Amino acid sequence: MTSMNATVDSLYRYPVKGFSPGPLAGARLARHATIPGDRVYAIENGPSGFDPSAPAYQPKTKFLCLMKNARLAKLRTTLDPETHDWHVEGDRAATFRLSTEEGRRAAEAYLTDFMGEEVRGPLKVLAAPGHSFSDVGKPLVSIINLATVAALGLALGRSVDPLRFRANVYVTGLPPFVELDWVGRRAALGTAEIAIVKRTRRCVATNVDPATAERDMEIPANLLRLYDHMDCGVYAEVRAGGILNVGDPLILS
C-alpha cells in the first residue's frame, strides 16, 4: 500500500436523519454496514410507504431533512445509544425514549408543533432493525477531505463549516479534491478495509448553516461554477470489518 498521509480528524454518526451529528471517539466497523448507530431513525413527513417489516430505501424528501427543512438545524439533539433517549433542545427542552411507543408519539407531537406549516402530513418516527435511512440505497460510510472544504472556502472568500456535509469520517493531510479520483480503489481505514465506490453529489442541504439554520450559501451551485461538478467527498463500502478511532490513518492501496 502507498500512504497518502491521511489521518482521521473526526468521526460522526447522525442517529436521527436530518438532526444533529453525534461525535465519536471511535467505532467498530462491520462488513457491508454503516457507522454503528447512523441514521437509525427518520421522521416521516406524511405517508412515505416505508414498511418496517420489509425496510427499503426511500428518498430523503419523504422525511424531515435539511434539504427541505432548514429549521431542523435550530434544534440540538442527542441520542443515548443504550436507552434510545432522544434529548432535544430548542425553544424548550424535552427527552423522548424512541424505543417506546409512548416516547415516539411524544416526539411526533413536539416536532409537529415545532415544524408548523412545513408539516405535509402526520409526522411519524420510523425505525427498523438493522436499517439505516441513508441517502443512498446501500449501507456505506461517507468521507470528507477537510482540505477540499478549506479550498472551497478559500475560493468563496469565507469559511465553510465541514459539518455542512454531514459525513461520517473527516480526514486531514491530503491535497484538495484528490479523493474524487479514488473511486474504484481500496484503502485501509483504521484496521478495517474499505472500497471507494462513488463520489458524493451535493444537494441544497449543504446551503444550510448548521449553527444558525440559515440558508446562507450556494454550495452545489458554487461547486459547479468553480469545478464543473457538484461533488464533495466520497462514499466507501466496508469490505472487512475493524476498529476505527480518531487519529487512525487512511492508507490508500
C-alpha atoms as a PDB file:
ATOM      1  CA  MET A   1       0.000   0.000   0.000  1.00  0.00           C
ATOM      2  CA  THR A   2       1.030   3.602  -0.654  1.00  0.00           C
ATOM      3  CA  SER A   3       0.315   6.039   2.158  1.00  0.00           C
ATOM      4  CA  MET A   4      -1.461   9.266   1.280  1.00  0.00           C
ATOM      5  CA  ASN A   5      -0.567  10.610   4.760  1.00  0.00           C
ATOM      6  CA  ALA A   6      -4.256  10.866   5.571  1.00  0.00           C
ATOM      7  CA  THR A   7      -5.377  10.876   9.188  1.00  0.00           C
ATOM      8  CA  VAL A   8      -8.864  10.617  10.648  1.00  0.00           C
ATOM      9  CA  ASP A   9      -9.562  14.018  12.206  1.00  0.00           C
ATOM     10  CA  SER A  10     -13.097  13.315  13.461  1.00  0.00           C
ATOM     11  CA  LEU A  11     -15.911  10.775  13.334  1.00  0.00           C
ATOM     12  CA  TYR A  12     -19.666  11.318  13.399  1.00  0.00           C
ATOM     13  CA  ARG A  13     -22.919   9.463  13.233  1.00  0.00           C
ATOM     14  CA  TYR A  14     -26.338  11.016  12.712  1.00  0.00           C
ATOM     15  CA  PRO A  15     -28.707   8.968  14.883  1.00  0.00           C
ATOM     16  CA  VAL A  16     -31.889  10.674  13.651  1.00  0.00           C
ATOM     17  CA  LYS A  17     -31.856  11.578   9.977  1.00  0.00           C
ATOM     18  CA  GLY A  18     -31.724  15.336   9.395  1.00  0.00           C
ATOM     19  CA  PHE A  19     -30.876  16.185  13.006  1.00  0.00           C
ATOM     20  CA  SER A  20     -27.685  16.832  14.978  1.00  0.00           C
ATOM     21  CA  PRO A  21     -24.445  14.917  14.437  1.00  0.00           C
ATOM     22  CA  GLY A  22     -23.115  12.758  17.242  1.00  0.00           C
ATOM     23  CA  PRO A  23     -19.314  12.896  17.563  1.00  0.00           C
ATOM     24  CA  LEU A  24     -17.478   9.620  18.170  1.00  0.00           C
ATOM     25  CA  ALA A  25     -14.038   8.848  19.522  1.00  0.00           C
ATOM     26  CA  GLY A  26     -14.097   5.506  17.747  1.00  0.00           C
ATOM     27  CA  ALA A  27     -16.329   2.904  16.152  1.00  0.00           C
ATOM     28  CA  ARG A  28     -16.331  -0.768  15.255  1.00  0.00           C
ATOM     29  CA  LEU A  29     -16.942  -1.036  11.515  1.00  0.00           C
ATOM     30  CA  ALA A  30     -18.687  -4.152  10.225  1.00  0.00           C
ATOM     31  CA  ARG A  31     -18.583  -5.558   6.700  1.00  0.00           C
ATOM     32  CA  HIS A  32     -21.240  -4.048   4.429  1.00  0.00           C
ATOM     33  CA  ALA A  33     -22.589  -1.806   7.211  1.00  0.00           C
ATOM     34  CA  THR A  34     -22.754   1.868   8.103  1.00  0.00           C
ATOM     35  CA  ILE A  35     -21.065   3.534  11.044  1.00  0.00           C
ATOM     36  CA  PRO A  36     -22.902   1.954  14.025  1.00  0.00           C
ATOM     37  CA  GLY A  37     -25.968   3.942  15.012  1.00  0.00           C
ATOM     38  CA  ASP A  38     -26.023   6.057  11.860  1.00  0.00           C
ATOM     39  CA  ARG A  39     -29.464   7.259  10.755  1.00  0.00           C
ATOM     40  CA  VAL A  40     -31.294   4.549  12.652  1.00  0.00           C
ATOM     41  CA  TYR A  41     -34.354   6.795  12.943  1.00  0.00           C
ATOM     42  CA  ALA A  42     -36.130   9.060  10.477  1.00  0.00           C
ATOM     43  CA  ILE A  43     -39.188  11.285  10.827  1.00  0.00           C
ATOM     44  CA  GLU A  44     -41.757  10.599   8.136  1.00  0.00           C
ATOM     45  CA  ASN A  45     -43.404  13.791   6.881  1.00  0.00           C
ATOM     46  CA  GLY A  46     -46.681  12.411   5.618  1.00  0.00           C
ATOM     47  CA  PRO A  47     -47.087   8.799   4.396  1.00  0.00           C
ATOM     48  CA  SER A  48     -43.847   7.564   2.809  1.00  0.00           C
ATOM     49  CA  GLY A  49     -44.655   3.955   2.034  1.00  0.00           C
ATOM     50  CA  PHE A  50     -41.882   2.748   4.352  1.00  0.00           C
ATOM     51  CA  ASP A  51     -42.593  -0.745   5.688  1.00  0.00           C
ATOM     52  CA  PRO A  52     -40.637  -1.609   8.875  1.00  0.00           C
ATOM     53  CA  SER A  53     -41.204  -5.315   8.224  1.00  0.00           C
ATOM     54  CA  ALA A  54     -39.509  -5.010   4.819  1.00  0.00           C
ATOM     55  CA  PRO A  55     -37.301  -1.910   5.113  1.00  0.00           C
ATOM     56  CA  ALA A  56     -36.072  -0.432   1.868  1.00  0.00           C
ATOM     57  CA  TYR A  57     -34.510   2.790   0.632  1.00  0.00           C
ATOM     58  CA  GLN A  58     -36.736   5.845   0.457  1.00  0.00           C
ATOM     59  CA  PRO A  59     -35.660   9.256  -0.885  1.00  0.00           C
ATOM     60  CA  LYS A  60     -34.810  11.842   1.753  1.00  0.00           C
ATOM     61  CA  THR A  61     -37.712  14.039   0.668  1.00  0.00           C
ATOM     62  CA  LYS A  62     -40.120  11.554   2.291  1.00  0.00           C
ATOM     63  CA  PHE A  63     -38.708  12.559   5.681  1.00  0.00           C
ATOM     64  CA  LEU A  64     -37.846  15.690   7.604  1.00  0.00           C
ATOM     65  CA  CYS A  65     -34.493  16.705   6.105  1.00  0.00           C
ATOM     66  CA  LEU A  66     -32.295  19.770   5.839  1.00  0.00           C
ATOM     67  CA  MET A  67     -32.760  19.834   2.078  1.00  0.00           C
ATOM     68  CA  LYS A  68     -36.369  20.952   2.635  1.00  0.00           C
ATOM     69  CA  ASN A  69     -36.482  21.831   6.333  1.00  0.00           C
ATOM     70  CA  ALA A  70     -33.631  24.160   7.277  1.00  0.00           C
ATOM     71  CA  ARG A  71     -35.224  24.902  10.645  1.00  0.00           C
ATOM     72  CA  LEU A  72     -34.152  21.434  11.860  1.00  0.00           C
ATOM     73  CA  ALA A  73     -30.700  22.924  12.433  1.00  0.00           C
ATOM     74  CA  LYS A  74     -32.185  25.133  15.157  1.00  0.00           C
ATOM     75  CA  LEU A  75     -32.604  22.047  17.336  1.00  0.00           C
ATOM     76  CA  ARG A  76     -29.709  20.450  19.223  1.00  0.00           C
ATOM     77  CA  THR A  77     -30.301  16.754  19.680  1.00  0.00           C
ATOM     78  CA  THR A  78     -28.506  13.762  21.170  1.00  0.00           C
ATOM     79  CA  LEU A  79     -29.478  10.094  21.250  1.00  0.00           C
ATOM     80  CA  ASP A  80     -28.314   7.777  24.030  1.00  0.00           C
ATOM     81  CA  PRO A  81     -27.232   4.601  22.184  1.00  0.00           C
ATOM     82  CA  GLU A  82     -28.177   2.376  25.119  1.00  0.00           C
ATOM     83  CA  THR A  83     -31.577   3.727  26.200  1.00  0.00           C
ATOM     84  CA  HIS A  84     -32.515   5.457  22.914  1.00  0.00           C
ATOM     85  CA  ASP A  85     -33.471   8.510  24.933  1.00  0.00           C
ATOM     86  CA  TRP A  86     -33.510  11.373  22.421  1.00  0.00           C
ATOM     87  CA  HIS A  87     -32.806  14.726  24.062  1.00  0.00           C
ATOM     88  CA  VAL A  88     -33.964  17.762  22.097  1.00  0.00           C
ATOM     89  CA  GLU A  89     -33.122  21.377  22.894  1.00  0.00           C
ATOM     90  CA  GLY A  90     -34.945  24.189  21.110  1.00  0.00           C
ATOM     91  CA  ASP A  91     -37.351  26.800  22.441  1.00  0.00           C
ATOM     92  CA  ARG A  92     -37.986  24.178  25.101  1.00  0.00           C
ATOM     93  CA  ALA A  93     -36.034  21.082  26.065  1.00  0.00           C
ATOM     94  CA  ALA A  94     -37.509  17.600  26.168  1.00  0.00           C
ATOM     95  CA  THR A  95     -36.428  13.979  26.173  1.00  0.00           C
ATOM     96  CA  PHE A  96     -38.206  11.161  24.354  1.00  0.00           C
ATOM     97  CA  ARG A  97     -37.494   7.429  24.598  1.00  0.00           C
ATOM     98  CA  LEU A  98     -37.718   6.474  20.922  1.00  0.00           C
ATOM     99  CA  SER A  99     -37.620   2.763  21.713  1.00  0.00           C
ATOM    100  CA  THR A 100     -41.152   3.029  23.143  1.00  0.00           C
ATOM    101  CA  GLU A 101     -44.475   3.805  21.508  1.00  0.00           C
ATOM    102  CA  GLU A 102     -45.188   6.480  24.113  1.00  0.00           C
ATOM    103  CA  GLY A 103     -41.844   8.179  23.511  1.00  0.00           C
ATOM    104  CA  ARG A 104     -42.261   8.186  19.747  1.00  0.00           C
ATOM    105  CA  ARG A 105     -45.752   9.686  19.954  1.00  0.00           C
ATOM    106  CA  ALA A 106     -44.499  12.418  22.286  1.00  0.00           C
ATOM    107  CA  ALA A 107     -41.615  13.210  19.913  1.00  0.00           C
ATOM    108  CA  GLU A 108     -44.037  13.393  16.984  1.00  0.00           C
ATOM    109  CA  ALA A 109     -46.245  15.881  18.863  1.00  0.00           C
ATOM    110  CA  TYR A 110     -43.223  18.016  19.794  1.00  0.00           C
ATOM    111  CA  LEU A 111     -41.968  18.107  16.200  1.00  0.00           C
ATOM    112  CA  THR A 112     -45.422  18.775  14.752  1.00  0.00           C
ATOM    113  CA  ASP A 113     -45.605  21.905  16.875  1.00  0.00           C
ATOM    114  CA  PHE A 114     -42.035  22.914  16.005  1.00  0.00           C
ATOM    115  CA  MET A 115     -42.322  22.374  12.228  1.00  0.00           C
ATOM    116  CA  GLY A 116     -45.554  24.334  11.794  1.00  0.00           C
ATOM    117  CA  GLU A 117     -46.501  24.894   8.154  1.00  0.00           C
ATOM    118  CA  GLU A 118     -43.767  22.552   6.926  1.00  0.00           C
ATOM    119  CA  VAL A 119     -45.743  19.518   8.105  1.00  0.00           C
ATOM    120  CA  ARG A 120     -47.166  17.835   4.986  1.00  0.00           C
ATOM    121  CA  GLY A 121     -48.985  15.077   6.840  1.00  0.00           C
ATOM    122  CA  PRO A 122     -48.743  13.166  10.102  1.00  0.00           C
ATOM    123  CA  LEU A 123     -45.182  13.054  11.429  1.00  0.00           C
ATOM    124  CA  LYS A 124     -44.090   9.544  12.383  1.00  0.00           C
ATOM    125  CA  VAL A 125     -40.871   8.246  13.936  1.00  0.00           C
ATOM    126  CA  LEU A 126     -39.642   5.336  11.822  1.00  0.00           C
ATOM    127  CA  ALA A 127     -37.096   2.619  12.547  1.00  0.00           C
ATOM    128  CA  ALA A 128     -36.424  -0.986  11.582  1.00  0.00           C
ATOM    129  CA  PRO A 129     -33.836  -3.410  12.968  1.00  0.00           C
ATOM    130  CA  GLY A 130     -30.576  -3.184  11.035  1.00  0.00           C
ATOM    131  CA  HIS A 131     -31.853  -0.458   8.704  1.00  0.00           C
ATOM    132  CA  SER A 132     -30.147   2.887   8.080  1.00  0.00           C
ATOM    133  CA  PHE A 133     -32.085   5.750   6.486  1.00  0.00           C
ATOM    134  CA  SER A 134     -29.144   6.600   4.262  1.00  0.00           C
ATOM    135  CA  ASP A 135     -29.286   8.928   1.275  1.00  0.00           C
ATOM    136  CA  VAL A 136     -28.030   6.054  -0.887  1.00  0.00           C
ATOM    137  CA  GLY A 137     -29.527   2.641  -1.492  1.00  0.00           C
ATOM    138  CA  LYS A 138     -26.937   0.588   0.365  1.00  0.00           C
ATOM    139  CA  PRO A 139     -25.041   0.825   3.673  1.00  0.00           C
ATOM    140  CA  LEU A 140     -21.987   2.995   3.066  1.00  0.00           C
ATOM    141  CA  VAL A 141     -19.631   5.238   5.048  1.00  0.00           C
ATOM    142  CA  SER A 142     -19.181   8.838   3.895  1.00  0.00           C
ATOM    143  CA  ILE A 143     -15.757  10.509   3.868  1.00  0.00           C
ATOM    144  CA  ILE A 144     -14.841  14.197   3.589  1.00  0.00           C
ATOM    145  CA  ASN A 145     -11.363  15.595   2.916  1.00  0.00           C
ATOM    146  CA  LEU A 146     -11.003  18.685   5.107  1.00  0.00           C
ATOM    147  CA  ALA A 147      -8.539  20.206   2.635  1.00  0.00           C
ATOM    148  CA  THR A 148     -11.270  20.136  -0.013  1.00  0.00           C
ATOM    149  CA  VAL A 149     -13.618  22.063   2.279  1.00  0.00           C
ATOM    150  CA  ALA A 150     -10.860  24.559   3.074  1.00  0.00           C
ATOM    151  CA  ALA A 151     -10.102  25.047  -0.647  1.00  0.00           C
ATOM    152  CA  LEU A 152     -13.767  25.677  -1.363  1.00  0.00           C
ATOM    153  CA  GLY A 153     -13.891  28.225   1.431  1.00  0.00           C
ATOM    154  CA  LEU A 154     -10.790  29.954   0.092  1.00  0.00           C
ATOM    155  CA  ALA A 155     -12.355  30.155  -3.377  1.00  0.00           C
ATOM    156  CA  LEU A 156     -15.547  31.608  -1.889  1.00  0.00           C
ATOM    157  CA  GLY A 157     -13.726  34.031   0.398  1.00  0.00           C
ATOM    158  CA  ARG A 158     -15.348  32.725   3.569  1.00  0.00           C
ATOM    159  CA  SER A 159     -15.089  29.813   5.957  1.00  0.00           C
ATOM    160  CA  VAL A 160     -17.164  26.721   5.187  1.00  0.00           C
ATOM    161  CA  ASP A 161     -18.168  24.573   8.158  1.00  0.00           C
ATOM    162  CA  PRO A 162     -17.285  20.943   7.281  1.00  0.00           C
ATOM    163  CA  LEU A 163     -20.390  19.769   9.145  1.00  0.00           C
ATOM    164  CA  ARG A 164     -22.491  21.157   6.296  1.00  0.00           C
ATOM    165  CA  PHE A 165     -21.526  17.927   4.508  1.00  0.00           C
ATOM    166  CA  ARG A 166     -22.735  15.591   7.286  1.00  0.00           C
ATOM    167  CA  ALA A 167     -20.024  12.991   6.698  1.00  0.00           C
ATOM    168  CA  ASN A 168     -19.077  10.083   8.935  1.00  0.00           C
ATOM    169  CA  VAL A 169     -15.302  10.354   8.529  1.00  0.00           C
ATOM    170  CA  TYR A 170     -13.359  13.610   8.177  1.00  0.00           C
ATOM    171  CA  VAL A 171      -9.729  13.208   7.117  1.00  0.00           C
ATOM    172  CA  THR A 172      -6.771  15.569   7.065  1.00  0.00           C
ATOM    173  CA  GLY A 173      -3.320  15.564   5.466  1.00  0.00           C
ATOM    174  CA  LEU A 174      -4.417  15.310   1.816  1.00  0.00           C
ATOM    175  CA  PRO A 175      -4.356  17.687  -1.163  1.00  0.00           C
ATOM    176  CA  PRO A 176      -7.730  19.240  -2.013  1.00  0.00           C
ATOM    177  CA  PHE A 177     -10.097  17.171  -4.159  1.00  0.00           C
ATOM    178  CA  VAL A 178      -7.694  14.221  -4.507  1.00  0.00           C
ATOM    179  CA  GLU A 179     -10.350  11.928  -3.000  1.00  0.00           C
ATOM    180  CA  LEU A 180     -12.586  12.362  -6.038  1.00  0.00           C
ATOM    181  CA  ASP A 181     -10.110  10.247  -8.022  1.00  0.00           C
ATOM    182  CA  TRP A 182     -10.256   7.356  -5.551  1.00  0.00           C
ATOM    183  CA  VAL A 183     -13.396   5.698  -6.927  1.00  0.00           C
ATOM    184  CA  GLY A 184     -12.649   2.046  -7.621  1.00  0.00           C
ATOM    185  CA  ARG A 185      -9.707   1.907  -5.220  1.00  0.00           C
ATOM    186  CA  ARG A 186      -9.333   0.229  -1.829  1.00  0.00           C
ATOM    187  CA  ALA A 187      -7.925   1.547   1.415  1.00  0.00           C
ATOM    188  CA  ALA A 188      -7.189   0.613   4.988  1.00  0.00           C
ATOM    189  CA  LEU A 189      -9.196   2.745   7.412  1.00  0.00           C
ATOM    190  CA  GLY A 190      -8.033   2.039  10.919  1.00  0.00           C
ATOM    191  CA  THR A 191      -7.995  -1.769  10.997  1.00  0.00           C
ATOM    192  CA  ALA A 192     -10.931  -2.004   8.577  1.00  0.00           C
ATOM    193  CA  GLU A 193     -10.699  -2.367   4.804  1.00  0.00           C
ATOM    194  CA  ILE A 194     -12.849  -0.207   2.556  1.00  0.00           C
ATOM    195  CA  ALA A 195     -13.541   0.290  -1.128  1.00  0.00           C
ATOM    196  CA  ILE A 196     -14.297   3.749  -2.510  1.00  0.00           C
ATOM    197  CA  VAL A 197     -17.463   3.228  -4.557  1.00  0.00           C
ATOM    198  CA  LYS A 198     -18.754   6.661  -5.582  1.00  0.00           C
ATOM    199  CA  ARG A 199     -18.346  10.406  -5.347  1.00  0.00           C
ATOM    200  CA  THR A 200     -20.861  12.335  -3.241  1.00  0.00           C
ATOM    201  CA  ARG A 201     -23.001  14.676  -5.303  1.00  0.00           C
ATOM    202  CA  ARG A 202     -24.158  17.557  -3.137  1.00  0.00           C
ATOM    203  CA  CYS A 203     -27.690  18.847  -2.696  1.00  0.00           C
ATOM    204  CA  VAL A 204     -29.027  22.103  -1.292  1.00  0.00           C
ATOM    205  CA  ALA A 205     -28.923  20.753   2.269  1.00  0.00           C
ATOM    206  CA  THR A 206     -25.316  21.975   2.294  1.00  0.00           C
ATOM    207  CA  ASN A 207     -26.561  25.539   1.864  1.00  0.00           C
ATOM    208  CA  VAL A 208     -27.822  25.453   5.470  1.00  0.00           C
ATOM    209  CA  ASP A 209     -25.502  26.759   8.167  1.00  0.00           C
ATOM    210  CA  PRO A 210     -25.563  24.008  10.845  1.00  0.00           C
ATOM    211  CA  ALA A 211     -25.067  26.604  13.590  1.00  0.00           C
ATOM    212  CA  THR A 212     -27.653  29.222  12.581  1.00  0.00           C
ATOM    213  CA  ALA A 213     -30.113  27.234  10.400  1.00  0.00           C
ATOM    214  CA  GLU A 214     -29.864  29.979   7.761  1.00  0.00           C
ATOM    215  CA  ARG A 215     -29.625  29.197   4.054  1.00  0.00           C
ATOM    216  CA  ASP A 216     -26.626  31.459   3.629  1.00  0.00           C
ATOM    217  CA  MET A 217     -24.549  29.767   0.898  1.00  0.00           C
ATOM    218  CA  GLU A 218     -24.993  28.175  -2.519  1.00  0.00           C
ATOM    219  CA  ILE A 219     -22.688  25.184  -2.170  1.00  0.00           C
ATOM    220  CA  PRO A 220     -23.815  22.958  -5.111  1.00  0.00           C
ATOM    221  CA  ALA A 221     -24.089  25.939  -7.461  1.00  0.00           C
ATOM    222  CA  ASN A 222     -20.638  27.185  -6.495  1.00  0.00           C
ATOM    223  CA  LEU A 223     -19.080  23.739  -6.823  1.00  0.00           C
ATOM    224  CA  LEU A 224     -20.485  23.594 -10.346  1.00  0.00           C
ATOM    225  CA  ARG A 225     -19.346  27.114 -11.157  1.00  0.00           C
ATOM    226  CA  LEU A 226     -15.843  26.641  -9.794  1.00  0.00           C
ATOM    227  CA  TYR A 227     -15.100  22.993 -10.595  1.00  0.00           C
ATOM    228  CA  ASP A 228     -17.667  21.864 -13.210  1.00  0.00           C
ATOM    229  CA  HIS A 229     -19.156  19.297 -10.836  1.00  0.00           C
ATOM    230  CA  MET A 230     -21.218  19.261  -7.634  1.00  0.00           C
ATOM    231  CA  ASP A 231     -19.183  16.603  -5.826  1.00  0.00           C
ATOM    232  CA  CYS A 232     -17.585  16.909  -2.395  1.00  0.00           C
ATOM    233  CA  GLY A 233     -16.496  13.743  -0.622  1.00  0.00           C
ATOM    234  CA  VAL A 234     -16.830  10.057  -1.390  1.00  0.00           C
ATOM    235  CA  TYR A 235     -18.759   7.013  -0.234  1.00  0.00           C
ATOM    236  CA  ALA A 236     -16.956   3.856   0.874  1.00  0.00           C
ATOM    237  CA  GLU A 237     -18.141   0.301   1.379  1.00  0.00           C
ATOM    238  CA  VAL A 238     -16.675  -1.633   4.308  1.00  0.00           C
ATOM    239  CA  ARG A 239     -15.212  -4.819   2.811  1.00  0.00           C
ATOM    240  CA  ALA A 240     -13.603  -6.150   6.012  1.00  0.00           C
ATOM    241  CA  GLY A 241     -14.572  -5.017   9.497  1.00  0.00           C
ATOM    242  CA  GLY A 242     -12.256  -3.454  12.025  1.00  0.00           C
ATOM    243  CA  ILE A 243     -11.782  -0.732  14.604  1.00  0.00           C
ATOM    244  CA  LEU A 244     -11.621   2.928  13.609  1.00  0.00           C
ATOM    245  CA  ASN A 245     -10.529   5.669  16.000  1.00  0.00           C
ATOM    246  CA  VAL A 246      -9.869   9.381  15.672  1.00  0.00           C
ATOM    247  CA  GLY A 247      -6.165   9.715  14.784  1.00  0.00           C
ATOM    248  CA  ASP A 248      -6.033   6.482  12.764  1.00  0.00           C
ATOM    249  CA  PRO A 249      -4.565   6.520   9.254  1.00  0.00           C
ATOM    250  CA  LEU A 250      -6.346   6.143   5.941  1.00  0.00           C
ATOM    251  CA  ILE A 251      -3.924   4.276   3.663  1.00  0.00           C
ATOM    252  CA  LEU A 252      -4.865   4.006   0.001  1.00  0.00           C
ATOM    253  CA  SER A 253      -3.997   0.838  -1.940  1.00  0.00           C
END
